[in-house]
Amino acid sequence: MNIDDVLTTIEAAKIWNLEESTVKRACQRGVFTSEEARKEENGPRGRWLVTTDGMKRIYGARPSQ
């Protein structure tokens, strides 16, 4: 895995043409495995990070750009 395989929910949503809230809710509800998503613990809010493999498993192949 390389750094390009890890995305914020904002980046992932943009690539997969989804609302960020859709990806974030999937993270919060445990749809992704612990290997596919985790919450960044910087500050009180924290951001979710997801892998491209997790996005492919949940939402299908990465759309063409």
N, C-alpha and C. Protein backbone atom coordinates (compact mmCIF):
# COMPACT_ATOMS: atom_id res chain seq x y z
N MET A 1 0.86 -1.18 0.00
CA MET A 1 0.00 0.00 0.00
C MET A 1 0.90 1.23 0.00
N ASN A 2 0.47 2.24 -0.74
CA ASN A 2 1.22 3.49 -0.72
C ASN A 2 0.29 4.63 -0.29
N ILE A 3 0.83 5.79 -0.14
CA ILE A 3 0.09 6.94 0.39
C ILE A 3 -1.12 7.29 -0.47
N ASP A 4 -1.06 7.02 -1.76
CA ASP A 4 -2.19 7.30 -2.65
C ASP A 4 -3.36 6.36 -2.43
N ASP A 5 -3.15 5.30 -1.66
CA ASP A 5 -4.22 4.34 -1.37
C ASP A 5 -5.03 4.74 -0.14
N VAL A 6 -4.66 5.83 0.52
CA VAL A 6 -5.38 6.32 1.69
C VAL A 6 -5.96 7.70 1.37
N LEU A 7 -7.26 7.86 1.61
CA LEU A 7 -7.97 9.08 1.24
C LEU A 7 -8.78 9.60 2.42
N THR A 8 -9.01 10.90 2.44
CA THR A 8 -9.99 11.44 3.38
C THR A 8 -11.38 11.14 2.81
N THR A 9 -12.40 11.27 3.63
CA THR A 9 -13.76 11.04 3.13
C THR A 9 -14.12 12.05 2.05
N ILE A 10 -13.57 13.25 2.14
CA ILE A 10 -13.82 14.27 1.11
C ILE A 10 -13.24 13.83 -0.23
N GLU A 11 -11.97 13.37 -0.21
CA GLU A 11 -11.32 12.92 -1.44
C GLU A 11 -12.04 11.70 -2.03
N ALA A 12 -12.36 10.73 -1.17
CA ALA A 12 -13.02 9.51 -1.63
C ALA A 12 -14.39 9.83 -2.25
N ALA A 13 -15.15 10.68 -1.59
CA ALA A 13 -16.47 11.04 -2.11
C ALA A 13 -16.36 11.72 -3.48
N LYS A 14 -15.39 12.58 -3.63
CA LYS A 14 -15.20 13.27 -4.91
C LYS A 14 -14.87 12.28 -6.02
N ILE A 15 -13.97 11.35 -5.75
CA ILE A 15 -13.56 10.37 -6.76
C ILE A 15 -14.71 9.45 -7.14
N TRP A 16 -15.47 8.99 -6.15
CA TRP A 16 -16.57 8.05 -6.39
C TRP A 16 -17.91 8.75 -6.67
N ASN A 17 -17.88 10.07 -6.81
CA ASN A 17 -19.10 10.85 -7.10
C ASN A 17 -20.20 10.61 -6.07
N LEU A 18 -19.82 10.71 -4.80
CA LEU A 18 -20.74 10.53 -3.68
C LEU A 18 -20.73 11.79 -2.82
N GLU A 19 -21.71 11.91 -1.96
CA GLU A 19 -21.68 12.96 -0.95
C GLU A 19 -20.70 12.53 0.13
N GLU A 20 -19.98 13.46 0.69
CA GLU A 20 -19.05 13.11 1.77
C GLU A 20 -19.78 12.46 2.93
N SER A 21 -20.99 12.94 3.22
CA SER A 21 -21.75 12.39 4.34
C SER A 21 -22.05 10.90 4.15
N THR A 22 -22.18 10.45 2.92
CA THR A 22 -22.42 9.03 2.64
C THR A 22 -21.22 8.20 3.07
N VAL A 23 -20.03 8.64 2.71
CA VAL A 23 -18.81 7.92 3.07
C VAL A 23 -18.58 7.99 4.58
N LYS A 24 -18.78 9.17 5.15
CA LYS A 24 -18.56 9.34 6.58
C LYS A 24 -19.52 8.46 7.39
N ARG A 25 -20.79 8.40 6.98
CA ARG A 25 -21.76 7.55 7.68
C ARG A 25 -21.36 6.08 7.60
N ALA A 26 -20.85 5.66 6.45
CA ALA A 26 -20.39 4.28 6.30
C ALA A 26 -19.25 3.99 7.28
N CYS A 27 -18.37 4.95 7.47
CA CYS A 27 -17.28 4.81 8.44
C CYS A 27 -17.85 4.69 9.85
N GLN A 28 -18.73 5.59 10.21
CA GLN A 28 -19.29 5.64 11.55
C GLN A 28 -20.11 4.39 11.88
N ARG A 29 -20.75 3.82 10.89
CA ARG A 29 -21.61 2.64 11.10
C ARG A 29 -20.86 1.32 11.01
N GLY A 30 -19.56 1.38 10.76
CA GLY A 30 -18.76 0.16 10.72
C GLY A 30 -18.89 -0.65 9.45
N VAL A 31 -19.28 -0.01 8.35
CA VAL A 31 -19.38 -0.70 7.06
C VAL A 31 -17.99 -1.11 6.57
N PHE A 32 -17.01 -0.26 6.80
CA PHE A 32 -15.62 -0.57 6.46
C PHE A 32 -15.02 -1.41 7.57
N THR A 33 -14.05 -2.24 7.23
CA THR A 33 -13.33 -3.00 8.26
C THR A 33 -12.31 -2.08 8.92
N SER A 34 -11.71 -2.54 10.00
CA SER A 34 -10.69 -1.75 10.69
C SER A 34 -9.44 -1.59 9.84
N GLU A 35 -9.27 -2.43 8.84
CA GLU A 35 -8.14 -2.31 7.90
C GLU A 35 -8.44 -1.31 6.78
N GLU A 36 -9.72 -0.95 6.62
CA GLU A 36 -10.13 -0.09 5.51
C GLU A 36 -10.40 1.35 5.92
N ALA A 37 -10.67 1.58 7.19
CA ALA A 37 -11.00 2.95 7.64
C ALA A 37 -10.60 3.13 9.09
N ARG A 38 -10.21 4.36 9.41
CA ARG A 38 -9.96 4.69 10.81
C ARG A 38 -10.14 6.18 10.98
N LYS A 39 -10.43 6.55 12.22
CA LYS A 39 -10.62 7.95 12.54
C LYS A 39 -9.29 8.55 12.97
N GLU A 40 -8.94 9.64 12.35
CA GLU A 40 -7.74 10.38 12.71
C GLU A 40 -8.03 11.09 14.02
N GLU A 41 -7.18 10.96 14.98
CA GLU A 41 -7.46 11.49 16.33
C GLU A 41 -6.85 12.85 16.61
N ASN A 42 -6.71 13.68 15.61
CA ASN A 42 -6.17 15.03 15.83
C ASN A 42 -7.31 15.98 16.14
N GLY A 43 -7.34 16.47 17.34
CA GLY A 43 -8.39 17.42 17.72
C GLY A 43 -9.68 16.72 18.09
N PRO A 44 -10.65 17.47 18.53
CA PRO A 44 -11.90 16.90 19.02
C PRO A 44 -12.76 16.29 17.91
N ARG A 45 -12.65 16.79 16.70
CA ARG A 45 -13.51 16.32 15.63
C ARG A 45 -12.92 15.11 14.91
N GLY A 46 -11.67 15.15 14.59
CA GLY A 46 -11.03 14.05 13.87
C GLY A 46 -11.63 13.85 12.49
N ARG A 47 -10.86 13.34 11.58
CA ARG A 47 -11.32 13.02 10.24
C ARG A 47 -11.22 11.53 10.02
N TRP A 48 -12.07 11.03 9.17
CA TRP A 48 -12.00 9.63 8.78
C TRP A 48 -11.08 9.49 7.57
N LEU A 49 -10.27 8.44 7.58
CA LEU A 49 -9.42 8.07 6.46
C LEU A 49 -9.87 6.70 5.97
N VAL A 50 -9.94 6.54 4.66
CA VAL A 50 -10.38 5.27 4.08
C VAL A 50 -9.38 4.83 3.02
N THR A 51 -9.33 3.54 2.78
CA THR A 51 -8.45 3.02 1.73
C THR A 51 -9.22 2.90 0.42
N THR A 52 -8.49 2.94 -0.67
CA THR A 52 -9.13 2.75 -1.97
C THR A 52 -9.70 1.33 -2.07
N ASP A 53 -9.04 0.35 -1.47
CA ASP A 53 -9.58 -1.02 -1.49
C ASP A 53 -10.92 -1.09 -0.77
N GLY A 54 -11.05 -0.38 0.34
CA GLY A 54 -12.32 -0.35 1.05
C GLY A 54 -13.40 0.32 0.23
N MET A 55 -13.06 1.40 -0.42
CA MET A 55 -14.03 2.08 -1.27
C MET A 55 -14.47 1.18 -2.43
N LYS A 56 -13.53 0.46 -3.02
CA LYS A 56 -13.87 -0.45 -4.11
C LYS A 56 -14.79 -1.56 -3.62
N ARG A 57 -14.53 -2.08 -2.43
CA ARG A 57 -15.36 -3.16 -1.89
C ARG A 57 -16.78 -2.69 -1.64
N ILE A 58 -16.93 -1.48 -1.11
CA ILE A 58 -18.25 -0.97 -0.75
C ILE A 58 -18.97 -0.35 -1.95
N TYR A 59 -18.27 0.45 -2.73
CA TYR A 59 -18.91 1.25 -3.77
C TYR A 59 -18.56 0.85 -5.21
N GLY A 60 -17.76 -0.19 -5.37
CA GLY A 60 -17.42 -0.64 -6.71
C GLY A 60 -16.14 0.00 -7.22
N ALA A 61 -15.80 -0.36 -8.43
CA ALA A 61 -14.54 0.09 -9.04
C ALA A 61 -14.47 1.61 -9.08
N ARG A 62 -13.27 2.09 -8.99
CA ARG A 62 -13.02 3.54 -9.07
C ARG A 62 -13.47 4.05 -10.43
N PRO A 63 -14.36 5.03 -10.46
CA PRO A 63 -14.84 5.54 -11.74
C PRO A 63 -13.71 6.15 -12.57
N SER A 64 -13.87 6.09 -13.87
CA SER A 64 -12.89 6.72 -14.76
C SER A 64 -12.97 8.22 -14.60
N GLN A 65 -11.84 8.86 -14.75
CA GLN A 65 -11.79 10.30 -14.56
C GLN A 65 -11.89 11.04 -15.84
